[in-house]
Each structure stands twice: as C-alpha cells, then as structure tokens.
N, C-alpha and C. Protein backbone atom coordinates (compact mmCIF):
# COMPACT_ATOMS: atom_id res chain seq x y z
N UNK A 1 -20.71 -24.90 -4.40
CA UNK A 1 -20.42 -25.69 -3.24
C UNK A 1 -18.93 -25.61 -2.89
N UNK A 2 -18.08 -25.82 -3.85
CA UNK A 2 -16.64 -25.78 -3.61
C UNK A 2 -16.19 -24.36 -3.24
N UNK A 3 -16.73 -23.37 -3.91
CA UNK A 3 -16.35 -21.98 -3.68
C UNK A 3 -16.66 -21.56 -2.24
N UNK A 4 -17.87 -21.81 -1.79
CA UNK A 4 -18.28 -21.39 -0.45
C UNK A 4 -17.90 -22.41 0.62
N UNK A 5 -17.78 -23.68 0.25
CA UNK A 5 -17.55 -24.75 1.21
C UNK A 5 -16.09 -25.16 1.34
N UNK A 6 -15.84 -26.40 0.98
CA UNK A 6 -14.49 -26.96 1.11
C UNK A 6 -14.02 -27.44 -0.25
N UNK A 7 -12.87 -26.99 -0.68
CA UNK A 7 -11.82 -26.28 0.05
C UNK A 7 -11.87 -24.76 -0.05
N UNK A 8 -13.04 -24.20 -0.31
CA UNK A 8 -13.18 -22.75 -0.50
C UNK A 8 -13.24 -21.95 0.79
N UNK A 9 -14.19 -21.01 0.85
CA UNK A 9 -14.26 -20.05 1.96
C UNK A 9 -14.39 -20.71 3.34
N UNK A 10 -15.28 -21.68 3.48
CA UNK A 10 -15.48 -22.28 4.80
C UNK A 10 -14.18 -22.89 5.31
N UNK A 11 -13.53 -23.62 4.44
CA UNK A 11 -12.26 -24.25 4.81
C UNK A 11 -11.21 -23.19 5.14
N UNK A 12 -11.09 -22.19 4.28
CA UNK A 12 -10.09 -21.14 4.46
C UNK A 12 -10.34 -20.35 5.74
N UNK A 13 -11.57 -19.97 5.99
CA UNK A 13 -11.89 -19.19 7.19
C UNK A 13 -11.78 -20.03 8.46
N UNK A 14 -12.15 -21.30 8.38
CA UNK A 14 -12.00 -22.19 9.54
C UNK A 14 -10.52 -22.38 9.87
N UNK A 15 -9.70 -22.57 8.85
CA UNK A 15 -8.25 -22.71 9.08
C UNK A 15 -7.69 -21.45 9.72
N UNK A 16 -8.15 -20.29 9.27
CA UNK A 16 -7.64 -19.02 9.80
C UNK A 16 -7.91 -18.90 11.29
N UNK A 17 -9.03 -19.45 11.75
CA UNK A 17 -9.36 -19.36 13.17
C UNK A 17 -8.41 -20.17 14.04
N UNK A 18 -7.72 -21.14 13.45
CA UNK A 18 -6.80 -22.01 14.19
C UNK A 18 -5.37 -21.48 14.26
N UNK A 19 -5.08 -20.47 13.49
CA UNK A 19 -3.72 -19.94 13.41
C UNK A 19 -3.35 -19.27 14.73
N UNK A 20 -2.15 -19.54 15.16
CA UNK A 20 -1.64 -18.87 16.35
C UNK A 20 -0.47 -17.98 15.93
N UNK A 21 -0.29 -16.90 16.66
CA UNK A 21 0.86 -16.04 16.43
C UNK A 21 0.75 -15.07 15.28
N UNK A 22 -0.47 -14.83 14.81
CA UNK A 22 -0.66 -13.79 13.79
C UNK A 22 -1.65 -12.78 14.36
N UNK A 23 -1.58 -11.55 13.90
CA UNK A 23 -2.53 -10.54 14.38
C UNK A 23 -3.98 -10.95 14.09
N UNK A 24 -4.89 -10.58 14.99
CA UNK A 24 -6.31 -10.89 14.84
C UNK A 24 -6.83 -10.46 13.46
N UNK A 25 -6.34 -9.34 12.97
CA UNK A 25 -6.76 -8.84 11.66
C UNK A 25 -6.60 -9.91 10.59
N UNK A 26 -5.52 -10.67 10.62
CA UNK A 26 -5.26 -11.69 9.60
C UNK A 26 -6.12 -12.92 9.78
N UNK A 27 -6.76 -13.05 10.93
CA UNK A 27 -7.67 -14.18 11.16
C UNK A 27 -9.10 -13.86 10.72
N UNK A 28 -9.45 -12.58 10.73
CA UNK A 28 -10.85 -12.22 10.50
C UNK A 28 -11.11 -11.31 9.30
N UNK A 29 -10.14 -10.51 8.89
CA UNK A 29 -10.37 -9.58 7.78
C UNK A 29 -10.21 -10.35 6.47
N UNK A 30 -11.18 -10.24 5.56
CA UNK A 30 -11.15 -11.10 4.38
C UNK A 30 -10.10 -10.76 3.32
N UNK A 31 -9.59 -9.52 3.25
CA UNK A 31 -8.69 -9.16 2.16
C UNK A 31 -9.26 -9.74 0.86
N UNK A 32 -10.18 -9.00 0.25
CA UNK A 32 -10.99 -9.49 -0.87
C UNK A 32 -10.29 -10.31 -1.92
N UNK A 33 -9.22 -9.79 -2.50
CA UNK A 33 -8.54 -10.53 -3.57
C UNK A 33 -7.95 -11.83 -3.05
N UNK A 34 -7.47 -11.83 -1.81
CA UNK A 34 -6.93 -13.05 -1.21
C UNK A 34 -8.04 -14.09 -1.02
N UNK A 35 -9.11 -13.70 -0.31
CA UNK A 35 -10.17 -14.65 0.03
C UNK A 35 -10.91 -15.14 -1.21
N UNK A 36 -11.28 -14.23 -2.09
CA UNK A 36 -12.00 -14.64 -3.29
C UNK A 36 -11.07 -15.34 -4.28
N UNK A 37 -9.82 -14.92 -4.30
CA UNK A 37 -8.83 -15.61 -5.13
C UNK A 37 -8.66 -17.05 -4.69
N UNK A 38 -8.60 -17.27 -3.36
CA UNK A 38 -8.49 -18.64 -2.86
C UNK A 38 -9.73 -19.45 -3.26
N UNK A 39 -10.92 -18.86 -3.15
CA UNK A 39 -12.14 -19.59 -3.48
C UNK A 39 -12.18 -19.98 -4.95
N UNK A 40 -11.76 -19.08 -5.85
CA UNK A 40 -11.71 -19.44 -7.27
C UNK A 40 -10.60 -20.47 -7.53
N UNK A 41 -9.48 -20.33 -6.85
CA UNK A 41 -8.40 -21.31 -6.95
C UNK A 41 -8.92 -22.67 -6.48
N UNK A 42 -9.71 -22.70 -5.40
CA UNK A 42 -10.29 -23.94 -4.89
C UNK A 42 -11.20 -24.57 -5.93
N UNK A 43 -11.97 -23.75 -6.64
CA UNK A 43 -12.83 -24.28 -7.70
C UNK A 43 -11.98 -24.96 -8.78
N UNK A 44 -10.87 -24.35 -9.11
CA UNK A 44 -9.97 -24.93 -10.10
C UNK A 44 -9.36 -26.23 -9.58
N UNK A 45 -8.99 -26.25 -8.30
CA UNK A 45 -8.47 -27.48 -7.69
C UNK A 45 -9.47 -28.62 -7.83
N UNK A 46 -10.74 -28.31 -7.60
CA UNK A 46 -11.79 -29.33 -7.68
C UNK A 46 -11.82 -29.97 -9.07
N UNK A 47 -11.61 -29.16 -10.08
CA UNK A 47 -11.63 -29.66 -11.46
C UNK A 47 -10.32 -30.34 -11.83
N UNK A 48 -9.21 -29.66 -11.65
CA UNK A 48 -7.94 -30.15 -12.20
C UNK A 48 -7.15 -31.06 -11.28
N UNK A 49 -7.19 -30.82 -9.98
CA UNK A 49 -6.36 -31.60 -9.05
C UNK A 49 -7.14 -32.68 -8.32
N UNK A 50 -8.41 -32.42 -8.05
CA UNK A 50 -9.19 -33.35 -7.25
C UNK A 50 -10.08 -34.24 -8.10
N UNK A 51 -10.33 -33.88 -9.34
CA UNK A 51 -11.14 -34.70 -10.24
C UNK A 51 -12.60 -34.82 -9.84
N UNK A 52 -13.10 -33.84 -9.11
CA UNK A 52 -14.48 -33.92 -8.61
C UNK A 52 -15.51 -34.06 -9.74
N UNK A 53 -15.23 -33.47 -10.88
CA UNK A 53 -16.22 -33.49 -11.96
C UNK A 53 -15.97 -34.58 -13.00
N UNK A 54 -14.99 -35.44 -12.77
CA UNK A 54 -14.65 -36.46 -13.76
C UNK A 54 -15.84 -37.34 -14.13
N UNK A 55 -16.69 -37.67 -13.18
CA UNK A 55 -17.85 -38.51 -13.48
C UNK A 55 -19.16 -37.76 -13.20
N UNK A 56 -19.09 -36.44 -13.25
CA UNK A 56 -20.26 -35.60 -12.97
C UNK A 56 -20.38 -34.50 -14.03
N UNK A 57 -20.84 -34.87 -15.24
CA UNK A 57 -20.92 -33.85 -16.30
C UNK A 57 -21.89 -32.72 -15.98
N UNK A 58 -22.96 -32.98 -15.25
CA UNK A 58 -23.89 -31.90 -14.91
C UNK A 58 -23.27 -30.97 -13.89
N UNK A 59 -22.52 -31.51 -12.95
CA UNK A 59 -21.80 -30.67 -12.00
C UNK A 59 -20.78 -29.80 -12.71
N UNK A 60 -20.10 -30.39 -13.70
CA UNK A 60 -19.11 -29.62 -14.47
C UNK A 60 -19.79 -28.54 -15.29
N UNK A 61 -20.98 -28.82 -15.79
CA UNK A 61 -21.74 -27.80 -16.52
C UNK A 61 -22.07 -26.63 -15.58
N UNK A 62 -22.44 -26.92 -14.36
CA UNK A 62 -22.69 -25.87 -13.37
C UNK A 62 -21.44 -25.06 -13.09
N UNK A 63 -20.30 -25.75 -13.02
CA UNK A 63 -19.02 -25.05 -12.82
C UNK A 63 -18.73 -24.11 -13.97
N UNK A 64 -18.96 -24.58 -15.18
CA UNK A 64 -18.74 -23.74 -16.36
C UNK A 64 -19.70 -22.55 -16.39
N UNK A 65 -20.94 -22.76 -15.96
CA UNK A 65 -21.90 -21.65 -15.90
C UNK A 65 -21.42 -20.60 -14.90
N UNK A 66 -20.88 -21.05 -13.77
CA UNK A 66 -20.36 -20.10 -12.78
C UNK A 66 -19.17 -19.32 -13.36
N UNK A 67 -18.34 -19.99 -14.15
CA UNK A 67 -17.21 -19.29 -14.79
C UNK A 67 -17.72 -18.26 -15.78
N UNK A 68 -18.75 -18.60 -16.52
CA UNK A 68 -19.33 -17.65 -17.49
C UNK A 68 -19.91 -16.44 -16.76
N UNK A 69 -20.60 -16.70 -15.66
CA UNK A 69 -21.17 -15.61 -14.86
C UNK A 69 -20.06 -14.68 -14.38
N UNK A 70 -18.96 -15.24 -13.90
CA UNK A 70 -17.87 -14.41 -13.39
C UNK A 70 -17.18 -13.64 -14.52
N UNK A 71 -17.11 -14.24 -15.69
CA UNK A 71 -16.54 -13.52 -16.83
C UNK A 71 -17.41 -12.31 -17.18
N UNK A 72 -18.72 -12.51 -17.16
CA UNK A 72 -19.64 -11.40 -17.44
C UNK A 72 -19.51 -10.32 -16.36
N UNK A 73 -19.30 -10.72 -15.11
CA UNK A 73 -19.12 -9.75 -14.03
C UNK A 73 -17.88 -8.89 -14.26
N UNK A 74 -16.81 -9.52 -14.73
CA UNK A 74 -15.59 -8.77 -15.03
C UNK A 74 -15.87 -7.69 -16.07
N UNK A 75 -16.59 -8.06 -17.11
CA UNK A 75 -16.92 -7.10 -18.17
C UNK A 75 -17.78 -5.97 -17.62
N UNK A 76 -18.78 -6.32 -16.82
CA UNK A 76 -19.68 -5.31 -16.26
C UNK A 76 -18.94 -4.38 -15.30
N UNK A 77 -18.10 -4.95 -14.44
CA UNK A 77 -17.33 -4.13 -13.49
C UNK A 77 -16.47 -3.12 -14.26
N UNK A 78 -15.79 -3.59 -15.27
CA UNK A 78 -14.96 -2.72 -16.11
C UNK A 78 -15.82 -1.74 -16.90
N UNK A 79 -16.93 -2.24 -17.45
CA UNK A 79 -17.83 -1.38 -18.22
C UNK A 79 -18.36 -0.22 -17.40
N UNK A 80 -18.81 -0.52 -16.19
CA UNK A 80 -19.36 0.52 -15.34
C UNK A 80 -18.33 1.56 -14.93
N UNK A 81 -17.14 1.09 -14.53
CA UNK A 81 -16.19 2.00 -13.89
C UNK A 81 -15.10 2.54 -14.81
N UNK A 82 -14.78 1.84 -15.86
CA UNK A 82 -13.77 2.34 -16.78
C UNK A 82 -14.38 2.89 -18.07
N UNK A 83 -15.44 2.26 -18.51
CA UNK A 83 -16.07 2.67 -19.77
C UNK A 83 -17.30 3.56 -19.54
N UNK A 84 -17.65 3.76 -18.28
CA UNK A 84 -18.78 4.63 -17.90
C UNK A 84 -20.12 4.16 -18.46
N UNK A 85 -20.31 2.82 -18.47
CA UNK A 85 -21.60 2.29 -18.87
C UNK A 85 -22.67 2.78 -17.90
N UNK A 86 -23.87 2.88 -18.41
CA UNK A 86 -25.01 3.17 -17.54
C UNK A 86 -25.43 1.87 -16.85
N UNK A 87 -26.21 2.03 -15.80
CA UNK A 87 -26.76 0.87 -15.10
C UNK A 87 -27.54 0.00 -16.08
N UNK A 88 -28.29 0.63 -16.95
CA UNK A 88 -29.12 -0.10 -17.91
C UNK A 88 -28.27 -0.89 -18.91
N UNK A 89 -27.17 -0.29 -19.36
CA UNK A 89 -26.27 -1.01 -20.28
C UNK A 89 -25.71 -2.26 -19.60
N UNK A 90 -25.32 -2.13 -18.36
CA UNK A 90 -24.74 -3.25 -17.63
C UNK A 90 -25.78 -4.36 -17.44
N UNK A 91 -27.00 -3.98 -17.10
CA UNK A 91 -28.08 -4.97 -16.92
C UNK A 91 -28.34 -5.69 -18.24
N UNK A 92 -28.45 -4.92 -19.31
CA UNK A 92 -28.71 -5.51 -20.62
C UNK A 92 -27.61 -6.51 -21.01
N UNK A 93 -26.36 -6.13 -20.77
CA UNK A 93 -25.23 -7.01 -21.10
C UNK A 93 -25.32 -8.32 -20.30
N UNK A 94 -25.56 -8.21 -18.99
CA UNK A 94 -25.58 -9.43 -18.17
C UNK A 94 -26.75 -10.33 -18.50
N UNK A 95 -27.89 -9.77 -18.79
CA UNK A 95 -29.04 -10.60 -19.18
C UNK A 95 -28.70 -11.36 -20.47
N UNK A 96 -28.11 -10.66 -21.43
CA UNK A 96 -27.77 -11.28 -22.72
C UNK A 96 -26.71 -12.37 -22.59
N UNK A 97 -25.75 -12.18 -21.70
CA UNK A 97 -24.61 -13.10 -21.62
C UNK A 97 -24.77 -14.23 -20.61
N UNK A 98 -25.64 -14.05 -19.62
CA UNK A 98 -25.73 -15.07 -18.57
C UNK A 98 -27.01 -15.90 -18.61
N UNK A 99 -28.07 -15.36 -19.23
CA UNK A 99 -29.34 -16.08 -19.21
C UNK A 99 -30.09 -15.91 -17.89
N UNK A 100 -29.57 -15.05 -17.01
CA UNK A 100 -30.23 -14.78 -15.74
C UNK A 100 -31.39 -13.82 -15.98
N UNK A 101 -32.30 -13.76 -15.03
CA UNK A 101 -33.44 -12.85 -15.15
C UNK A 101 -32.97 -11.41 -14.92
N UNK A 102 -33.78 -10.48 -15.38
CA UNK A 102 -33.45 -9.07 -15.17
C UNK A 102 -33.39 -8.73 -13.68
N UNK A 103 -34.27 -9.33 -12.88
CA UNK A 103 -34.25 -9.07 -11.43
C UNK A 103 -32.95 -9.56 -10.80
N UNK A 104 -32.51 -10.76 -11.18
CA UNK A 104 -31.25 -11.30 -10.63
C UNK A 104 -30.07 -10.41 -11.03
N UNK A 105 -30.04 -10.06 -12.29
CA UNK A 105 -28.94 -9.26 -12.82
C UNK A 105 -28.93 -7.86 -12.20
N UNK A 106 -30.09 -7.29 -12.00
CA UNK A 106 -30.17 -5.95 -11.43
C UNK A 106 -29.52 -5.91 -10.05
N UNK A 107 -29.79 -6.90 -9.23
CA UNK A 107 -29.16 -6.96 -7.89
C UNK A 107 -27.63 -7.02 -8.02
N UNK A 108 -27.15 -7.82 -8.96
CA UNK A 108 -25.71 -7.94 -9.16
C UNK A 108 -25.11 -6.62 -9.63
N UNK A 109 -25.72 -6.02 -10.63
CA UNK A 109 -25.19 -4.78 -11.19
C UNK A 109 -25.18 -3.68 -10.13
N UNK A 110 -26.22 -3.59 -9.35
CA UNK A 110 -26.26 -2.55 -8.32
C UNK A 110 -25.15 -2.76 -7.28
N UNK A 111 -24.77 -3.99 -7.04
CA UNK A 111 -23.64 -4.26 -6.14
C UNK A 111 -22.34 -3.74 -6.75
N UNK A 112 -22.16 -3.97 -8.04
CA UNK A 112 -20.92 -3.52 -8.69
C UNK A 112 -20.85 -2.00 -8.80
N UNK A 113 -22.01 -1.38 -8.93
CA UNK A 113 -22.05 0.09 -9.03
C UNK A 113 -21.45 0.72 -7.78
N UNK A 114 -21.77 0.18 -6.62
CA UNK A 114 -21.31 0.80 -5.36
C UNK A 114 -20.01 0.19 -4.83
N UNK A 115 -19.49 -0.83 -5.51
CA UNK A 115 -18.28 -1.51 -5.02
C UNK A 115 -17.33 -1.74 -6.19
N UNK A 116 -16.71 -0.67 -6.70
CA UNK A 116 -15.83 -0.80 -7.86
C UNK A 116 -14.70 -1.81 -7.61
N UNK A 117 -14.47 -2.63 -8.60
CA UNK A 117 -13.36 -3.59 -8.53
C UNK A 117 -13.68 -4.86 -7.76
N UNK A 118 -14.83 -4.94 -7.12
CA UNK A 118 -15.16 -6.12 -6.32
C UNK A 118 -15.20 -7.37 -7.19
N UNK A 119 -15.88 -7.32 -8.31
CA UNK A 119 -15.95 -8.49 -9.19
C UNK A 119 -14.57 -8.82 -9.76
N UNK A 120 -13.81 -7.80 -10.07
CA UNK A 120 -12.48 -7.99 -10.64
C UNK A 120 -11.52 -8.61 -9.64
N UNK A 121 -11.69 -8.31 -8.35
CA UNK A 121 -10.76 -8.82 -7.33
C UNK A 121 -10.76 -10.34 -7.27
N UNK A 122 -11.86 -10.98 -7.58
CA UNK A 122 -11.91 -12.44 -7.57
C UNK A 122 -10.85 -13.01 -8.52
N UNK A 123 -10.91 -12.54 -9.75
CA UNK A 123 -10.01 -13.09 -10.77
C UNK A 123 -8.57 -12.65 -10.54
N UNK A 124 -8.38 -11.43 -10.09
CA UNK A 124 -7.02 -10.95 -9.79
C UNK A 124 -6.38 -11.87 -8.74
N UNK A 125 -7.14 -12.19 -7.70
CA UNK A 125 -6.62 -13.06 -6.66
C UNK A 125 -6.32 -14.46 -7.16
N UNK A 126 -7.24 -15.03 -7.92
CA UNK A 126 -7.01 -16.38 -8.46
C UNK A 126 -5.77 -16.41 -9.34
N UNK A 127 -5.65 -15.46 -10.24
CA UNK A 127 -4.50 -15.45 -11.16
C UNK A 127 -3.20 -15.26 -10.40
N UNK A 128 -3.21 -14.45 -9.35
CA UNK A 128 -2.00 -14.26 -8.54
C UNK A 128 -1.60 -15.56 -7.86
N UNK A 129 -2.56 -16.27 -7.29
CA UNK A 129 -2.25 -17.55 -6.63
C UNK A 129 -1.75 -18.56 -7.65
N UNK A 130 -2.35 -18.61 -8.81
CA UNK A 130 -1.88 -19.54 -9.85
C UNK A 130 -0.46 -19.21 -10.29
N UNK A 131 -0.13 -17.92 -10.41
CA UNK A 131 1.25 -17.53 -10.75
C UNK A 131 2.22 -17.96 -9.65
N UNK A 132 1.81 -17.79 -8.39
CA UNK A 132 2.66 -18.21 -7.28
C UNK A 132 2.89 -19.72 -7.33
N UNK A 133 1.86 -20.47 -7.61
CA UNK A 133 2.00 -21.93 -7.68
C UNK A 133 2.92 -22.32 -8.84
N UNK A 134 2.70 -21.72 -9.99
CA UNK A 134 3.57 -22.03 -11.14
C UNK A 134 5.03 -21.70 -10.84
N UNK A 135 5.26 -20.58 -10.19
CA UNK A 135 6.62 -20.19 -9.82
C UNK A 135 7.23 -21.20 -8.86
N UNK A 136 6.46 -21.64 -7.89
CA UNK A 136 6.94 -22.63 -6.91
C UNK A 136 7.21 -23.97 -7.58
N UNK A 137 6.31 -24.39 -8.46
CA UNK A 137 6.51 -25.67 -9.16
C UNK A 137 7.77 -25.62 -10.02
N UNK A 138 7.98 -24.52 -10.71
CA UNK A 138 9.18 -24.36 -11.55
C UNK A 138 10.45 -24.37 -10.71
N UNK A 139 10.42 -23.61 -9.62
CA UNK A 139 11.62 -23.47 -8.78
C UNK A 139 11.96 -24.76 -8.05
N UNK A 140 10.95 -25.49 -7.61
CA UNK A 140 11.19 -26.67 -6.78
C UNK A 140 11.17 -27.99 -7.54
N UNK A 141 10.60 -27.98 -8.73
CA UNK A 141 10.55 -29.21 -9.52
C UNK A 141 9.91 -30.34 -8.72
N UNK A 142 10.57 -31.50 -8.66
CA UNK A 142 9.99 -32.65 -7.95
C UNK A 142 9.89 -32.44 -6.43
N UNK A 143 10.54 -31.42 -5.92
CA UNK A 143 10.45 -31.13 -4.48
C UNK A 143 9.22 -30.30 -4.14
N UNK A 144 8.47 -29.87 -5.14
CA UNK A 144 7.25 -29.10 -4.88
C UNK A 144 6.27 -29.99 -4.14
N UNK A 145 5.73 -29.50 -3.06
CA UNK A 145 4.76 -30.20 -2.22
C UNK A 145 3.48 -29.36 -2.18
N UNK A 146 2.44 -29.85 -2.84
CA UNK A 146 1.20 -29.09 -2.94
C UNK A 146 0.59 -28.82 -1.57
N UNK A 147 0.69 -29.78 -0.66
CA UNK A 147 0.13 -29.59 0.69
C UNK A 147 0.88 -28.48 1.42
N UNK A 148 2.19 -28.48 1.31
CA UNK A 148 2.98 -27.43 1.97
C UNK A 148 2.70 -26.07 1.33
N UNK A 149 2.51 -26.05 0.02
CA UNK A 149 2.17 -24.80 -0.67
C UNK A 149 0.85 -24.25 -0.13
N UNK A 150 -0.15 -25.12 0.00
CA UNK A 150 -1.44 -24.69 0.51
C UNK A 150 -1.34 -24.24 1.97
N UNK A 151 -0.47 -24.85 2.74
CA UNK A 151 -0.24 -24.40 4.12
C UNK A 151 0.26 -22.95 4.12
N UNK A 152 1.18 -22.63 3.22
CA UNK A 152 1.69 -21.26 3.14
C UNK A 152 0.55 -20.30 2.79
N UNK A 153 -0.31 -20.70 1.87
CA UNK A 153 -1.41 -19.83 1.46
C UNK A 153 -2.42 -19.62 2.58
N UNK A 154 -2.71 -20.66 3.33
CA UNK A 154 -3.81 -20.60 4.29
C UNK A 154 -3.41 -20.36 5.73
N UNK A 155 -2.29 -20.85 6.14
CA UNK A 155 -1.97 -20.85 7.57
C UNK A 155 -1.17 -19.63 8.03
N UNK A 156 -1.19 -18.58 7.21
CA UNK A 156 -0.64 -17.29 7.61
C UNK A 156 -1.75 -16.26 7.72
N UNK A 157 -2.98 -16.68 7.46
CA UNK A 157 -4.13 -15.79 7.54
C UNK A 157 -4.27 -14.94 6.29
N UNK A 158 -5.33 -14.15 6.27
CA UNK A 158 -5.59 -13.26 5.15
C UNK A 158 -4.55 -12.16 5.08
N UNK A 159 -4.23 -11.76 3.86
CA UNK A 159 -3.23 -10.72 3.67
C UNK A 159 -3.32 -10.17 2.26
N UNK A 160 -2.74 -9.00 2.05
CA UNK A 160 -2.67 -8.48 0.67
C UNK A 160 -1.85 -9.44 -0.19
N UNK A 161 -2.15 -9.48 -1.47
CA UNK A 161 -1.49 -10.41 -2.37
C UNK A 161 0.02 -10.20 -2.43
N UNK A 162 0.48 -8.97 -2.32
CA UNK A 162 1.91 -8.70 -2.37
C UNK A 162 2.62 -9.33 -1.16
N UNK A 163 1.98 -9.29 0.00
CA UNK A 163 2.54 -9.92 1.19
C UNK A 163 2.54 -11.43 1.03
N UNK A 164 1.45 -11.98 0.49
CA UNK A 164 1.37 -13.42 0.23
C UNK A 164 2.46 -13.85 -0.74
N UNK A 165 2.68 -13.06 -1.75
CA UNK A 165 3.72 -13.35 -2.74
C UNK A 165 5.09 -13.46 -2.06
N UNK A 166 5.38 -12.57 -1.13
CA UNK A 166 6.63 -12.61 -0.38
C UNK A 166 6.72 -13.86 0.49
N UNK A 167 5.59 -14.26 1.12
CA UNK A 167 5.57 -15.47 1.95
C UNK A 167 5.85 -16.71 1.09
N UNK A 168 5.30 -16.73 -0.11
CA UNK A 168 5.55 -17.86 -1.01
C UNK A 168 7.01 -17.88 -1.43
N UNK A 169 7.59 -16.71 -1.74
CA UNK A 169 9.02 -16.66 -2.09
C UNK A 169 9.89 -17.17 -0.95
N UNK A 170 9.57 -16.78 0.28
CA UNK A 170 10.33 -17.28 1.43
C UNK A 170 10.21 -18.79 1.56
N UNK A 171 9.01 -19.32 1.36
CA UNK A 171 8.79 -20.77 1.44
C UNK A 171 9.57 -21.50 0.34
N UNK A 172 9.56 -20.94 -0.86
CA UNK A 172 10.33 -21.54 -1.96
C UNK A 172 11.80 -21.59 -1.58
N UNK A 173 12.32 -20.51 -1.06
CA UNK A 173 13.73 -20.45 -0.68
C UNK A 173 14.06 -21.49 0.40
N UNK A 174 13.21 -21.56 1.42
CA UNK A 174 13.44 -22.55 2.49
C UNK A 174 13.35 -23.98 1.95
N UNK A 175 12.35 -24.22 1.10
CA UNK A 175 12.14 -25.56 0.56
C UNK A 175 13.28 -25.97 -0.36
N UNK A 176 13.78 -25.03 -1.15
CA UNK A 176 14.87 -25.33 -2.07
C UNK A 176 16.16 -25.68 -1.34
N UNK A 177 16.37 -25.06 -0.19
CA UNK A 177 17.61 -25.28 0.55
C UNK A 177 17.50 -26.40 1.57
N UNK A 178 16.30 -26.89 1.82
CA UNK A 178 16.08 -27.94 2.81
C UNK A 178 16.43 -29.30 2.23
N UNK A 179 17.24 -30.04 2.95
CA UNK A 179 17.64 -31.38 2.50
C UNK A 179 16.50 -32.38 2.71
N UNK A 180 15.57 -32.05 3.60
CA UNK A 180 14.49 -32.99 3.88
C UNK A 180 13.23 -32.72 3.06
N UNK A 181 13.29 -31.74 2.19
CA UNK A 181 12.11 -31.45 1.36
C UNK A 181 11.85 -32.62 0.44
N UNK A 182 10.57 -32.89 0.13
CA UNK A 182 10.25 -34.03 -0.74
C UNK A 182 10.87 -33.90 -2.11
C-alpha cells in the first residue's frame, strides 16, 4: 500500500504532474532507480518516521515479507545475469526463499530474465536516497528540514540518481547558508 500509494508511487507521480518549469520528460519518465528508490524509501518512512506499524504487527509482518521478497529478487537478478543461473535455478531459489508458488515465482523470474538490473535498481535507488538524507542531516544538523528535503527529491521530477545527488548538494549548500533555515 505505501509503496504503490502514499507516500510512494502515487504520491510521487501526482506531485510530478504539478511541477512547473521542468522538461516534460522529468514529469513522466520514471527513471527506474529514482522512482523505485523513492517507493522503497517511502516504505522505510512508514516504518521509521511515520510509525504506521507501531500498533499493527500484522501489517509490519507484511512489510517484512515484502522486504524478504525484494532481497530474494536481488539474489535472483544477480544470479541470472552475473552468475549465469538457469531459469530453473532462479525459480527454485525463489520458491525456497519466499514461500511463493512456482507459478508466481516463474512470472517474476521471467521478468528479470528480460530486464537485467530491474530488481537491483529498487535497492540502488533506496540506498542512494538514504545516503543523501544522511549527508544532509549531518551537514545541516538541527537545521535539517525533512519536508524541505522531500521537496528536493520530489518537486524536481524524475531524474538519474547522479543528477538528484547534485540537486541535494545544492539544497544543502543553500540551506546551510540561509539565515532563515530552521
């Protein structure tokens, strides 16, 4: 729900439609690591910053199951494309690690076969955003404003992570030198 809904993809894509002054490409092109990284970051926000699961142990169990599924996807993506696993090896691994049916896993594995790095891009994006946040929190200390940080991430539209990293650095610099920053 959080990944696809709010504050995940639906929120991110809806916000992108409101942006003015950026190329149309940045409003509509997903930039996989950016979009999926934001969605995984949003899932983390739900747990650590928003406390959504504090009184919902079954919801938290579902969140943990989704994390386990994504961890298995990372292994399968790497296994298929770097270790040259067969389709059957990948299916066997995912069935053993996720508890999903062979039919469910087969659909997933076939997607990874034709889209190398797709599963990996989710985690790459999330980790990049978390590093940017940690860097901003360290640099700004008590002046760090989570809402302003999220504005930088979302209100410039989709972009490659390296470009996003530069936008965050610029925001840190402006925030550090601003006398009115919180």
